[in-house]
Amino acid sequence: MNPSLAHADLLAAYRRAEADAAHKYGLIQVVSQKGPKAMQAAMETAAKAAKRRDSFAKKLQGLGVALED
């Protein structure tokens, strides 16, 4: 696989993970009205999504790709 193609695939995966994490954090407020157990589950899911996003960001930084904040 071409290195630039691998970078593009990894960058696309990062963008999807970033959008997923933002969506999951938004769901916390929606589910908070349903009770503490639902809110806790939503918080755990959002944390996992953020961890995936951070993992992709770390891989990209290792390849020398700068991510804007």
PDB file of N, CA and C in Angstrom:
ATOM      1  N   MET A   1       0.845  -1.176   0.000  1.00  0.00           N
ATOM      2  CA  MET A   1       0.000   0.000   0.000  1.00  0.00           C
ATOM      3  C   MET A   1       0.888   1.237   0.000  1.00  0.00           C
ATOM      4  N   ASN A   2       0.549   2.176  -0.802  1.00  0.00           N
ATOM      5  CA  ASN A   2       1.254   3.442  -0.922  1.00  0.00           C
ATOM      6  C   ASN A   2       1.223   4.168   0.430  1.00  0.00           C
ATOM      7  N   PRO A   3       2.380   4.690   0.910  1.00  0.00           N
ATOM      8  CA  PRO A   3       2.387   5.370   2.212  1.00  0.00           C
ATOM      9  C   PRO A   3       1.394   6.523   2.301  1.00  0.00           C
ATOM     10  N   SER A   4       1.251   7.299   1.237  1.00  0.00           N
ATOM     11  CA  SER A   4       0.312   8.422   1.296  1.00  0.00           C
ATOM     12  C   SER A   4      -1.129   7.913   1.349  1.00  0.00           C
ATOM     13  N   LEU A   5      -1.391   6.771   0.709  1.00  0.00           N
ATOM     14  CA  LEU A   5      -2.720   6.163   0.771  1.00  0.00           C
ATOM     15  C   LEU A   5      -2.997   5.648   2.174  1.00  0.00           C
ATOM     16  N   ALA A   6      -1.984   5.072   2.810  1.00  0.00           N
ATOM     17  CA  ALA A   6      -2.132   4.607   4.186  1.00  0.00           C
ATOM     18  C   ALA A   6      -2.403   5.786   5.118  1.00  0.00           C
ATOM     19  N   HIS A   7      -1.716   6.899   4.882  1.00  0.00           N
ATOM     20  CA  HIS A   7      -1.941   8.106   5.682  1.00  0.00           C
ATOM     21  C   HIS A   7      -3.376   8.586   5.493  1.00  0.00           C
ATOM     22  N   ALA A   8      -3.845   8.572   4.266  1.00  0.00           N
ATOM     23  CA  ALA A   8      -5.203   9.039   3.978  1.00  0.00           C
ATOM     24  C   ALA A   8      -6.238   8.139   4.636  1.00  0.00           C
ATOM     25  N   ASP A   9      -6.020   6.839   4.593  1.00  0.00           N
ATOM     26  CA  ASP A   9      -6.950   5.908   5.237  1.00  0.00           C
ATOM     27  C   ASP A   9      -6.972   6.120   6.744  1.00  0.00           C
ATOM     28  N   LEU A  10      -5.799   6.291   7.327  1.00  0.00           N
ATOM     29  CA  LEU A  10      -5.706   6.509   8.767  1.00  0.00           C
ATOM     30  C   LEU A  10      -6.331   7.851   9.150  1.00  0.00           C
ATOM     31  N   LEU A  11      -6.121   8.854   8.325  1.00  0.00           N
ATOM     32  CA  LEU A  11      -6.709  10.165   8.589  1.00  0.00           C
ATOM     33  C   LEU A  11      -8.235  10.102   8.489  1.00  0.00           C
ATOM     34  N   ALA A  12      -8.752   9.359   7.520  1.00  0.00           N
ATOM     35  CA  ALA A  12     -10.202   9.196   7.394  1.00  0.00           C
ATOM     36  C   ALA A  12     -10.769   8.467   8.599  1.00  0.00           C
ATOM     37  N   ALA A  13     -10.062   7.453   9.078  1.00  0.00           N
ATOM     38  CA  ALA A  13     -10.509   6.724  10.268  1.00  0.00           C
ATOM     39  C   ALA A  13     -10.504   7.643  11.487  1.00  0.00           C
ATOM     40  N   TYR A  14      -9.485   8.498  11.577  1.00  0.00           N
ATOM     41  CA  TYR A  14      -9.427   9.463  12.679  1.00  0.00           C
ATOM     42  C   TYR A  14     -10.610  10.424  12.629  1.00  0.00           C
ATOM     43  N   ARG A  15     -10.916  10.929  11.443  1.00  0.00           N
ATOM     44  CA  ARG A  15     -12.041  11.871  11.295  1.00  0.00           C
ATOM     45  C   ARG A  15     -13.369  11.215  11.703  1.00  0.00           C
ATOM     46  N   ARG A  16     -13.557   9.944  11.306  1.00  0.00           N
ATOM     47  CA  ARG A  16     -14.775   9.226  11.700  1.00  0.00           C
ATOM     48  C   ARG A  16     -14.833   9.036  13.211  1.00  0.00           C
ATOM     49  N   ALA A  17     -13.694   8.679  13.815  1.00  0.00           N
ATOM     50  CA  ALA A  17     -13.642   8.491  15.262  1.00  0.00           C
ATOM     51  C   ALA A  17     -13.883   9.807  15.993  1.00  0.00           C
ATOM     52  N   GLU A  18     -13.371  10.895  15.428  1.00  0.00           N
ATOM     53  CA  GLU A  18     -13.570  12.221  16.023  1.00  0.00           C
ATOM     54  C   GLU A  18     -15.055  12.600  16.003  1.00  0.00           C
ATOM     55  N   ALA A  19     -15.719  12.361  14.887  1.00  0.00           N
ATOM     56  CA  ALA A  19     -17.150  12.662  14.774  1.00  0.00           C
ATOM     57  C   ALA A  19     -17.963  11.761  15.696  1.00  0.00           C
ATOM     58  N   ASP A  20     -17.577  10.505  15.797  1.00  0.00           N
ATOM     59  CA  ASP A  20     -18.280   9.564  16.665  1.00  0.00           C
ATOM     60  C   ASP A  20     -18.158   9.982  18.129  1.00  0.00           C
ATOM     61  N   ALA A  21     -16.961  10.385  18.538  1.00  0.00           N
ATOM     62  CA  ALA A  21     -16.749  10.823  19.918  1.00  0.00           C
ATOM     63  C   ALA A  21     -17.580  12.069  20.228  1.00  0.00           C
ATOM     64  N   ALA A  22     -17.617  13.023  19.318  1.00  0.00           N
ATOM     65  CA  ALA A  22     -18.406  14.236  19.531  1.00  0.00           C
ATOM     66  C   ALA A  22     -19.894  13.896  19.640  1.00  0.00           C
ATOM     67  N   HIS A  23     -20.346  12.980  18.798  1.00  0.00           N
ATOM     68  CA  HIS A  23     -21.753  12.555  18.840  1.00  0.00           C
ATOM     69  C   HIS A  23     -22.079  11.873  20.171  1.00  0.00           C
ATOM     70  N   LYS A  24     -21.196  11.008  20.630  1.00  0.00           N
ATOM     71  CA  LYS A  24     -21.442  10.279  21.878  1.00  0.00           C
ATOM     72  C   LYS A  24     -21.443  11.225  23.075  1.00  0.00           C
ATOM     73  N   TYR A  25     -20.571  12.236  23.063  1.00  0.00           N
ATOM     74  CA  TYR A  25     -20.583  13.216  24.150  1.00  0.00           C
ATOM     75  C   TYR A  25     -21.876  14.026  24.124  1.00  0.00           C
ATOM     76  N   GLY A  26     -22.406  14.298  22.954  1.00  0.00           N
ATOM     77  CA  GLY A  26     -23.680  15.003  22.839  1.00  0.00           C
ATOM     78  C   GLY A  26     -24.840  14.183  23.377  1.00  0.00           C
ATOM     79  N   LEU A  27     -24.743  12.869  23.239  1.00  0.00           N
ATOM     80  CA  LEU A  27     -25.814  11.998  23.730  1.00  0.00           C
ATOM     81  C   LEU A  27     -25.894  11.955  25.248  1.00  0.00           C
ATOM     82  N   ILE A  28     -24.811  12.286  25.924  1.00  0.00           N
ATOM     83  CA  ILE A  28     -24.816  12.261  27.390  1.00  0.00           C
ATOM     84  C   ILE A  28     -25.902  13.182  27.932  1.00  0.00           C
ATOM     85  N   GLN A  29     -26.036  14.363  27.374  1.00  0.00           N
ATOM     86  CA  GLN A  29     -27.050  15.308  27.857  1.00  0.00           C
ATOM     87  C   GLN A  29     -28.455  14.799  27.578  1.00  0.00           C
ATOM     88  N   VAL A  30     -28.641  14.140  26.446  1.00  0.00           N
ATOM     89  CA  VAL A  30     -29.956  13.611  26.100  1.00  0.00           C
ATOM     90  C   VAL A  30     -30.348  12.493  27.049  1.00  0.00           C
ATOM     91  N   VAL A  31     -29.401  11.615  27.351  1.00  0.00           N
ATOM     92  CA  VAL A  31     -29.709  10.447  28.173  1.00  0.00           C
ATOM     93  C   VAL A  31     -29.731  10.787  29.655  1.00  0.00           C
ATOM     94  N   SER A  32     -29.187  11.917  30.041  1.00  0.00           N
ATOM     95  CA  SER A  32     -29.134  12.263  31.465  1.00  0.00           C
ATOM     96  C   SER A  32     -30.528  12.359  32.074  1.00  0.00           C
ATOM     97  N   GLN A  33     -31.520  12.630  31.261  1.00  0.00           N
ATOM     98  CA  GLN A  33     -32.892  12.721  31.758  1.00  0.00           C
ATOM     99  C   GLN A  33     -33.494  11.351  32.024  1.00  0.00           C
ATOM    100  N   LYS A  34     -32.868  10.307  31.525  1.00  0.00           N
ATOM    101  CA  LYS A  34     -33.399   8.961  31.679  1.00  0.00           C
ATOM    102  C   LYS A  34     -32.917   8.263  32.934  1.00  0.00           C
ATOM    103  N   GLY A  35     -32.000   8.864  33.652  1.00  0.00           N
ATOM    104  CA  GLY A  35     -31.558   8.292  34.907  1.00  0.00           C
ATOM    105  C   GLY A  35     -30.055   8.109  34.981  1.00  0.00           C
ATOM    106  N   PRO A  36     -29.591   7.805  36.196  1.00  0.00           N
ATOM    107  CA  PRO A  36     -28.137   7.710  36.405  1.00  0.00           C
ATOM    108  C   PRO A  36     -27.485   6.521  35.690  1.00  0.00           C
ATOM    109  N   LYS A  37     -28.190   5.401  35.572  1.00  0.00           N
ATOM    110  CA  LYS A  37     -27.593   4.240  34.905  1.00  0.00           C
ATOM    111  C   LYS A  37     -27.413   4.505  33.418  1.00  0.00           C
ATOM    112  N   ALA A  38     -28.396   5.114  32.804  1.00  0.00           N
ATOM    113  CA  ALA A  38     -28.299   5.441  31.380  1.00  0.00           C
ATOM    114  C   ALA A  38     -27.200   6.466  31.148  1.00  0.00           C
ATOM    115  N   MET A  39     -27.098   7.420  32.057  1.00  0.00           N
ATOM    116  CA  MET A  39     -26.069   8.445  31.923  1.00  0.00           C
ATOM    117  C   MET A  39     -24.683   7.822  32.089  1.00  0.00           C
ATOM    118  N   GLN A  40     -24.530   6.917  33.037  1.00  0.00           N
ATOM    119  CA  GLN A  40     -23.242   6.260  33.251  1.00  0.00           C
ATOM    120  C   GLN A  40     -22.840   5.453  32.013  1.00  0.00           C
ATOM    121  N   ALA A  41     -23.792   4.741  31.431  1.00  0.00           N
ATOM    122  CA  ALA A  41     -23.512   3.954  30.226  1.00  0.00           C
ATOM    123  C   ALA A  41     -23.103   4.870  29.070  1.00  0.00           C
ATOM    124  N   ALA A  42     -23.785   5.992  28.929  1.00  0.00           N
ATOM    125  CA  ALA A  42     -23.448   6.945  27.869  1.00  0.00           C
ATOM    126  C   ALA A  42     -22.058   7.536  28.091  1.00  0.00           C
ATOM    127  N   MET A  43     -21.705   7.806  29.330  1.00  0.00           N
ATOM    128  CA  MET A  43     -20.386   8.359  29.640  1.00  0.00           C
ATOM    129  C   MET A  43     -19.287   7.346  29.334  1.00  0.00           C
ATOM    130  N   GLU A  44     -19.535   6.082  29.641  1.00  0.00           N
ATOM    131  CA  GLU A  44     -18.543   5.048  29.347  1.00  0.00           C
ATOM    132  C   GLU A  44     -18.362   4.875  27.841  1.00  0.00           C
ATOM    133  N   THR A  45     -19.464   4.919  27.115  1.00  0.00           N
ATOM    134  CA  THR A  45     -19.393   4.794  25.657  1.00  0.00           C
ATOM    135  C   THR A  45     -18.647   5.971  25.051  1.00  0.00           C
ATOM    136  N   ALA A  46     -18.904   7.164  25.561  1.00  0.00           N
ATOM    137  CA  ALA A  46     -18.215   8.359  25.064  1.00  0.00           C
ATOM    138  C   ALA A  46     -16.722   8.282  25.378  1.00  0.00           C
ATOM    139  N   ALA A  47     -16.376   7.766  26.535  1.00  0.00           N
ATOM    140  CA  ALA A  47     -14.966   7.641  26.901  1.00  0.00           C
ATOM    141  C   ALA A  47     -14.250   6.655  25.980  1.00  0.00           C
ATOM    142  N   LYS A  48     -14.912   5.558  25.633  1.00  0.00           N
ATOM    143  CA  LYS A  48     -14.325   4.585  24.707  1.00  0.00           C
ATOM    144  C   LYS A  48     -14.117   5.204  23.328  1.00  0.00           C
ATOM    145  N   ALA A  49     -15.088   5.990  22.882  1.00  0.00           N
ATOM    146  CA  ALA A  49     -14.975   6.648  21.580  1.00  0.00           C
ATOM    147  C   ALA A  49     -13.814   7.643  21.588  1.00  0.00           C
ATOM    148  N   ALA A  50     -13.660   8.364  22.681  1.00  0.00           N
ATOM    149  CA  ALA A  50     -12.559   9.324  22.787  1.00  0.00           C
ATOM    150  C   ALA A  50     -11.216   8.597  22.808  1.00  0.00           C
ATOM    151  N   LYS A  51     -11.178   7.451  23.446  1.00  0.00           N
ATOM    152  CA  LYS A  51      -9.950   6.665  23.494  1.00  0.00           C
ATOM    153  C   LYS A  51      -9.564   6.181  22.092  1.00  0.00           C
ATOM    154  N   ARG A  52     -10.559   5.751  21.304  1.00  0.00           N
ATOM    155  CA  ARG A  52     -10.292   5.347  19.918  1.00  0.00           C
ATOM    156  C   ARG A  52      -9.765   6.527  19.106  1.00  0.00           C
ATOM    157  N   ARG A  53     -10.402   7.685  19.287  1.00  0.00           N
ATOM    158  CA  ARG A  53      -9.969   8.888  18.567  1.00  0.00           C
ATOM    159  C   ARG A  53      -8.528   9.241  18.932  1.00  0.00           C
ATOM    160  N   ASP A  54      -8.214   9.182  20.214  1.00  0.00           N
ATOM    161  CA  ASP A  54      -6.862   9.511  20.665  1.00  0.00           C
ATOM    162  C   ASP A  54      -5.833   8.505  20.152  1.00  0.00           C
ATOM    163  N   SER A  55      -6.239   7.257  20.028  1.00  0.00           N
ATOM    164  CA  SER A  55      -5.355   6.225  19.495  1.00  0.00           C
ATOM    165  C   SER A  55      -4.998   6.523  18.032  1.00  0.00           C
ATOM    166  N   PHE A  56      -6.006   6.898  17.249  1.00  0.00           N
ATOM    167  CA  PHE A  56      -5.739   7.260  15.855  1.00  0.00           C
ATOM    168  C   PHE A  56      -4.864   8.509  15.775  1.00  0.00           C
ATOM    169  N   ALA A  57      -5.102   9.476  16.649  1.00  0.00           N
ATOM    170  CA  ALA A  57      -4.308  10.702  16.656  1.00  0.00           C
ATOM    171  C   ALA A  57      -2.848  10.387  16.973  1.00  0.00           C
ATOM    172  N   LYS A  58      -2.625   9.475  17.907  1.00  0.00           N
ATOM    173  CA  LYS A  58      -1.260   9.106  18.272  1.00  0.00           C
ATOM    174  C   LYS A  58      -0.556   8.427  17.101  1.00  0.00           C
ATOM    175  N   LYS A  59      -1.272   7.558  16.384  1.00  0.00           N
ATOM    176  CA  LYS A  59      -0.688   6.890  15.221  1.00  0.00           C
ATOM    177  C   LYS A  59      -0.330   7.909  14.142  1.00  0.00           C
ATOM    178  N   LEU A  60      -1.221   8.875  13.927  1.00  0.00           N
ATOM    179  CA  LEU A  60      -0.957   9.901  12.918  1.00  0.00           C
ATOM    180  C   LEU A  60       0.236  10.766  13.304  1.00  0.00           C
ATOM    181  N   GLN A  61       0.339  11.110  14.576  1.00  0.00           N
ATOM    182  CA  GLN A  61       1.472  11.916  15.020  1.00  0.00           C
ATOM    183  C   GLN A  61       2.780  11.135  14.862  1.00  0.00           C
ATOM    184  N   GLY A  62       2.716   9.824  15.073  1.00  0.00           N
ATOM    185  CA  GLY A  62       3.891   8.987  14.871  1.00  0.00           C
ATOM    186  C   GLY A  62       4.344   8.976  13.419  1.00  0.00           C
ATOM    187  N   LEU A  63       3.399   9.160  12.507  1.00  0.00           N
ATOM    188  CA  LEU A  63       3.720   9.211  11.070  1.00  0.00           C
ATOM    189  C   LEU A  63       4.109  10.617  10.618  1.00  0.00           C
ATOM    190  N   GLY A  64       4.026  11.583  11.544  1.00  0.00           N
ATOM    191  CA  GLY A  64       4.415  12.950  11.204  1.00  0.00           C
ATOM    192  C   GLY A  64       3.279  13.796  10.647  1.00  0.00           C
ATOM    193  N   VAL A  65       2.047  13.346  10.805  1.00  0.00           N
ATOM    194  CA  VAL A  65       0.899  14.115  10.318  1.00  0.00           C
ATOM    195  C   VAL A  65       0.449  15.031  11.440  1.00  0.00           C
ATOM    196  N   ALA A  66       0.423  16.327  11.177  1.00  0.00           N
ATOM    197  CA  ALA A  66       0.005  17.308  12.176  1.00  0.00           C
ATOM    198  C   ALA A  66      -1.505  17.466  12.127  1.00  0.00           C
ATOM    199  N   LEU A  67      -2.129  17.368  13.287  1.00  0.00           N
ATOM    200  CA  LEU A  67      -3.576  17.533  13.389  1.00  0.00           C
ATOM    201  C   LEU A  67      -3.879  18.895  13.999  1.00  0.00           C
ATOM    202  N   GLU A  68      -4.826  19.617  13.397  1.00  0.00           N
ATOM    203  CA  GLU A  68      -5.208  20.906  13.944  1.00  0.00           C
ATOM    204  C   GLU A  68      -6.202  20.665  15.087  1.00  0.00           C
ATOM    205  N   ASP A  69      -6.172  21.541  16.057  1.00  0.00           N
ATOM    206  CA  ASP A  69      -7.071  21.402  17.225  1.00  0.00           C
ATOM    207  C   ASP A  69      -8.392  22.065  16.984  1.00  0.00           C
TER     208      ASP A  69
END
